[in-house]
Amino acid sequence: MLAVCGEFLLGGAVLLWMGAPGAEVIWAVAAGMALMPAVRWTCKDLRAQRFGFPLLAVVVLTGTLAFGEFFGSAVVAVVLLGVRALVDDQGHAA
C-alpha cells in the first residue's frame, strides 16, 4: 500500500505539472487509502490504552481532507505507511 500511495502522490504531482485536472482527486484517494488502516490501528491502540502515531495521523488526515489540503494529506499518508512499514519490519526482525 505504501508503494501505491507513493505512486498516487507522484502521479498527482505529474498531473499538476502538466496542467491536467484530477491531481486533487488522486491525492484524496491516496489519503483515503491510508486513512482506513490508520483508523483500524488507532482503534487497536486505544483498546490497549496507547496513544501513538496512528492517532495523530488520523487527526491530521481528517483535518487536511476536511480543509481541502489534498497534497498535504497524500504526503501524510505516505509518511504514515512508511513509518508503519518500518515498525512492522523491526518487529519481525526482533
N, C-alpha and C. Protein backbone atom coordinates (compact mmCIF):
# COMPACT_ATOMS: atom_id res chain seq x y z
N MET A 1 0.81 -1.18 0.00
CA MET A 1 0.00 0.00 0.00
C MET A 1 0.87 1.26 0.00
N LEU A 2 2.04 1.16 0.61
CA LEU A 2 2.97 2.30 0.62
C LEU A 2 3.37 2.66 -0.81
N ALA A 3 3.67 1.66 -1.62
CA ALA A 3 4.08 1.93 -2.99
C ALA A 3 2.94 2.56 -3.80
N VAL A 4 1.73 2.09 -3.59
CA VAL A 4 0.58 2.63 -4.32
C VAL A 4 0.34 4.08 -3.93
N CYS A 5 0.38 4.38 -2.63
CA CYS A 5 0.19 5.76 -2.19
C CYS A 5 1.31 6.66 -2.70
N GLY A 6 2.53 6.14 -2.72
CA GLY A 6 3.64 6.91 -3.28
C GLY A 6 3.46 7.20 -4.75
N GLU A 7 2.95 6.20 -5.47
CA GLU A 7 2.68 6.41 -6.90
C GLU A 7 1.56 7.42 -7.11
N PHE A 8 0.55 7.38 -6.26
CA PHE A 8 -0.53 8.37 -6.37
C PHE A 8 -0.01 9.77 -6.07
N LEU A 9 0.87 9.89 -5.10
CA LEU A 9 1.46 11.19 -4.78
C LEU A 9 2.24 11.72 -5.97
N LEU A 10 3.06 10.88 -6.55
CA LEU A 10 3.84 11.28 -7.72
C LEU A 10 2.96 11.52 -8.93
N GLY A 11 1.96 10.66 -9.14
CA GLY A 11 1.05 10.84 -10.27
C GLY A 11 0.27 12.14 -10.20
N GLY A 12 -0.17 12.50 -9.01
CA GLY A 12 -0.86 13.77 -8.85
C GLY A 12 0.06 14.95 -9.13
N ALA A 13 1.31 14.83 -8.71
CA ALA A 13 2.28 15.90 -8.98
C ALA A 13 2.53 16.05 -10.48
N VAL A 14 2.59 14.93 -11.18
CA VAL A 14 2.80 14.98 -12.64
C VAL A 14 1.58 15.62 -13.31
N LEU A 15 0.38 15.23 -12.88
CA LEU A 15 -0.83 15.84 -13.45
C LEU A 15 -0.86 17.34 -13.20
N LEU A 16 -0.49 17.75 -12.01
CA LEU A 16 -0.46 19.17 -11.68
C LEU A 16 0.56 19.90 -12.54
N TRP A 17 1.71 19.28 -12.73
CA TRP A 17 2.77 19.88 -13.54
C TRP A 17 2.34 20.02 -15.00
N MET A 18 1.58 19.02 -15.49
CA MET A 18 1.12 19.05 -16.88
C MET A 18 -0.08 19.97 -17.08
N GLY A 19 -0.68 20.40 -15.99
CA GLY A 19 -1.84 21.27 -16.09
C GLY A 19 -3.14 20.51 -16.30
N ALA A 20 -3.09 19.20 -16.14
CA ALA A 20 -4.30 18.39 -16.31
C ALA A 20 -5.09 18.37 -15.01
N PRO A 21 -6.39 18.28 -15.10
CA PRO A 21 -7.20 18.22 -13.87
C PRO A 21 -7.12 16.83 -13.23
N GLY A 22 -7.44 16.77 -11.97
CA GLY A 22 -7.53 15.48 -11.31
C GLY A 22 -6.46 15.20 -10.28
N ALA A 23 -5.51 16.09 -10.10
CA ALA A 23 -4.45 15.84 -9.12
C ALA A 23 -5.02 15.76 -7.71
N GLU A 24 -5.96 16.65 -7.40
CA GLU A 24 -6.54 16.66 -6.06
C GLU A 24 -7.31 15.37 -5.78
N VAL A 25 -7.97 14.84 -6.80
CA VAL A 25 -8.72 13.59 -6.63
C VAL A 25 -7.78 12.43 -6.33
N ILE A 26 -6.68 12.37 -7.05
CA ILE A 26 -5.71 11.29 -6.85
C ILE A 26 -5.10 11.39 -5.45
N TRP A 27 -4.79 12.60 -5.02
CA TRP A 27 -4.22 12.77 -3.68
C TRP A 27 -5.24 12.43 -2.60
N ALA A 28 -6.50 12.76 -2.82
CA ALA A 28 -7.55 12.42 -1.85
C ALA A 28 -7.75 10.91 -1.76
N VAL A 29 -7.65 10.23 -2.88
CA VAL A 29 -7.77 8.76 -2.88
C VAL A 29 -6.60 8.14 -2.11
N ALA A 30 -5.41 8.66 -2.30
CA ALA A 30 -4.24 8.16 -1.56
C ALA A 30 -4.44 8.35 -0.05
N ALA A 31 -4.98 9.50 0.34
CA ALA A 31 -5.23 9.75 1.76
C ALA A 31 -6.31 8.82 2.29
N GLY A 32 -7.33 8.59 1.50
CA GLY A 32 -8.39 7.68 1.92
C GLY A 32 -7.90 6.25 2.08
N MET A 33 -7.00 5.86 1.19
CA MET A 33 -6.42 4.51 1.30
C MET A 33 -5.63 4.36 2.59
N ALA A 34 -4.96 5.38 3.01
CA ALA A 34 -4.17 5.31 4.25
C ALA A 34 -5.03 5.52 5.48
N LEU A 35 -6.14 6.25 5.33
CA LEU A 35 -6.99 6.54 6.47
C LEU A 35 -7.68 5.28 7.00
N MET A 36 -8.07 4.40 6.10
CA MET A 36 -8.78 3.19 6.54
C MET A 36 -7.94 2.32 7.47
N PRO A 37 -6.72 1.93 7.10
CA PRO A 37 -5.93 1.15 8.07
C PRO A 37 -5.50 1.96 9.28
N ALA A 38 -5.33 3.27 9.12
CA ALA A 38 -4.93 4.10 10.26
C ALA A 38 -6.01 4.11 11.33
N VAL A 39 -7.26 4.13 10.92
CA VAL A 39 -8.36 4.08 11.89
C VAL A 39 -8.35 2.73 12.60
N ARG A 40 -8.10 1.67 11.86
CA ARG A 40 -8.03 0.33 12.46
C ARG A 40 -6.89 0.25 13.47
N TRP A 41 -5.72 0.78 13.10
CA TRP A 41 -4.56 0.77 14.01
C TRP A 41 -4.84 1.62 15.25
N THR A 42 -5.52 2.75 15.05
CA THR A 42 -5.84 3.62 16.17
C THR A 42 -6.80 2.94 17.14
N CYS A 43 -7.82 2.27 16.61
CA CYS A 43 -8.76 1.56 17.48
C CYS A 43 -8.05 0.46 18.26
N LYS A 44 -7.15 -0.23 17.61
CA LYS A 44 -6.38 -1.28 18.28
C LYS A 44 -5.51 -0.68 19.39
N ASP A 45 -4.87 0.45 19.10
CA ASP A 45 -4.03 1.10 20.11
C ASP A 45 -4.85 1.64 21.27
N LEU A 46 -6.00 2.21 20.97
CA LEU A 46 -6.84 2.77 22.05
C LEU A 46 -7.38 1.67 22.95
N ARG A 47 -7.68 0.49 22.39
CA ARG A 47 -8.11 -0.62 23.23
C ARG A 47 -7.00 -1.06 24.18
N ALA A 48 -5.75 -0.91 23.74
CA ALA A 48 -4.60 -1.25 24.58
C ALA A 48 -4.14 -0.05 25.42
N GLN A 49 -4.91 1.03 25.41
CA GLN A 49 -4.62 2.26 26.15
C GLN A 49 -3.27 2.89 25.77
N ARG A 50 -3.01 2.89 24.47
CA ARG A 50 -1.82 3.56 23.93
C ARG A 50 -2.29 4.69 23.01
N PHE A 51 -1.60 5.79 23.08
CA PHE A 51 -1.91 6.92 22.22
C PHE A 51 -0.66 7.21 21.40
N GLY A 52 -0.62 6.71 20.19
CA GLY A 52 0.61 6.82 19.42
C GLY A 52 0.43 7.55 18.11
N PHE A 53 1.34 7.27 17.22
CA PHE A 53 1.41 7.92 15.92
C PHE A 53 0.16 7.72 15.08
N PRO A 54 -0.46 6.54 15.07
CA PRO A 54 -1.67 6.38 14.25
C PRO A 54 -2.80 7.35 14.64
N LEU A 55 -2.94 7.63 15.92
CA LEU A 55 -3.97 8.57 16.35
C LEU A 55 -3.69 9.96 15.79
N LEU A 56 -2.45 10.39 15.88
CA LEU A 56 -2.07 11.69 15.32
C LEU A 56 -2.28 11.71 13.81
N ALA A 57 -1.95 10.61 13.14
CA ALA A 57 -2.12 10.55 11.69
C ALA A 57 -3.59 10.62 11.29
N VAL A 58 -4.46 9.97 12.05
CA VAL A 58 -5.89 10.03 11.75
C VAL A 58 -6.40 11.47 11.90
N VAL A 59 -5.97 12.15 12.95
CA VAL A 59 -6.39 13.54 13.16
C VAL A 59 -5.88 14.42 12.02
N VAL A 60 -4.63 14.25 11.65
CA VAL A 60 -4.05 15.08 10.58
C VAL A 60 -4.69 14.76 9.23
N LEU A 61 -4.89 13.48 8.93
CA LEU A 61 -5.50 13.11 7.65
C LEU A 61 -6.93 13.65 7.53
N THR A 62 -7.72 13.50 8.58
CA THR A 62 -9.08 14.02 8.50
C THR A 62 -9.10 15.55 8.42
N GLY A 63 -8.19 16.19 9.13
CA GLY A 63 -8.12 17.65 9.07
C GLY A 63 -7.71 18.16 7.70
N THR A 64 -6.70 17.56 7.12
CA THR A 64 -6.25 18.02 5.81
C THR A 64 -7.30 17.73 4.74
N LEU A 65 -7.97 16.60 4.84
CA LEU A 65 -9.04 16.32 3.88
C LEU A 65 -10.22 17.27 4.07
N ALA A 66 -10.56 17.57 5.32
CA ALA A 66 -11.69 18.47 5.58
C ALA A 66 -11.43 19.89 5.08
N PHE A 67 -10.19 20.33 5.15
CA PHE A 67 -9.86 21.69 4.72
C PHE A 67 -9.37 21.76 3.28
N GLY A 68 -9.40 20.64 2.56
CA GLY A 68 -9.06 20.65 1.14
C GLY A 68 -7.58 20.69 0.84
N GLU A 69 -6.75 20.32 1.77
CA GLU A 69 -5.30 20.27 1.55
C GLU A 69 -4.92 18.86 1.11
N PHE A 70 -5.24 18.54 -0.13
CA PHE A 70 -5.12 17.16 -0.60
C PHE A 70 -3.66 16.73 -0.78
N PHE A 71 -2.80 17.63 -1.21
CA PHE A 71 -1.39 17.28 -1.34
C PHE A 71 -0.80 16.95 0.04
N GLY A 72 -1.13 17.77 1.02
CA GLY A 72 -0.64 17.51 2.38
C GLY A 72 -1.14 16.19 2.93
N SER A 73 -2.40 15.87 2.64
CA SER A 73 -2.94 14.59 3.12
C SER A 73 -2.25 13.42 2.44
N ALA A 74 -1.90 13.56 1.18
CA ALA A 74 -1.19 12.47 0.49
C ALA A 74 0.22 12.30 1.05
N VAL A 75 0.87 13.40 1.39
CA VAL A 75 2.21 13.31 1.99
C VAL A 75 2.13 12.63 3.36
N VAL A 76 1.14 13.01 4.17
CA VAL A 76 0.96 12.37 5.48
C VAL A 76 0.67 10.89 5.30
N ALA A 77 -0.10 10.53 4.28
CA ALA A 77 -0.42 9.12 4.03
C ALA A 77 0.85 8.32 3.73
N VAL A 78 1.71 8.88 2.90
CA VAL A 78 2.96 8.18 2.57
C VAL A 78 3.85 8.06 3.81
N VAL A 79 3.92 9.12 4.61
CA VAL A 79 4.73 9.07 5.83
C VAL A 79 4.17 8.05 6.81
N LEU A 80 2.85 8.05 6.99
CA LEU A 80 2.21 7.09 7.89
C LEU A 80 2.51 5.66 7.47
N LEU A 81 2.31 5.36 6.21
CA LEU A 81 2.54 3.99 5.74
C LEU A 81 4.01 3.62 5.77
N GLY A 82 4.89 4.60 5.53
CA GLY A 82 6.32 4.34 5.61
C GLY A 82 6.77 4.03 7.03
N VAL A 83 6.27 4.81 7.99
CA VAL A 83 6.60 4.55 9.39
C VAL A 83 6.06 3.20 9.82
N ARG A 84 4.84 2.90 9.41
CA ARG A 84 4.24 1.61 9.79
C ARG A 84 5.04 0.44 9.19
N ALA A 85 5.50 0.59 7.96
CA ALA A 85 6.31 -0.45 7.33
C ALA A 85 7.62 -0.64 8.08
N LEU A 86 8.24 0.45 8.51
CA LEU A 86 9.48 0.34 9.27
C LEU A 86 9.26 -0.32 10.63
N VAL A 87 8.17 0.05 11.30
CA VAL A 87 7.87 -0.53 12.60
C VAL A 87 7.57 -2.03 12.46
N ASP A 88 6.79 -2.38 11.45
CA ASP A 88 6.48 -3.80 11.22
C ASP A 88 7.74 -4.59 10.89
N ASP A 89 8.63 -3.97 10.10
CA ASP A 89 9.88 -4.64 9.74
C ASP A 89 10.76 -4.85 10.97
N GLN A 90 10.83 -3.88 11.85
CA GLN A 90 11.63 -4.01 13.06
C GLN A 90 11.02 -5.04 14.00
N GLY A 91 9.70 -5.12 14.04
CA GLY A 91 9.04 -6.09 14.90
C GLY A 91 9.30 -7.51 14.46
N HIS A 92 9.38 -7.74 13.16
CA HIS A 92 9.65 -9.08 12.66
C HIS A 92 11.12 -9.44 12.78
N ALA A 93 11.98 -8.44 12.77
CA ALA A 93 13.42 -8.71 12.85
C ALA A 93 13.84 -9.03 14.29
N ALA A 94 13.09 -8.54 15.25
CA ALA A 94 13.46 -8.73 16.66
C ALA A 94 13.20 -10.13 17.16
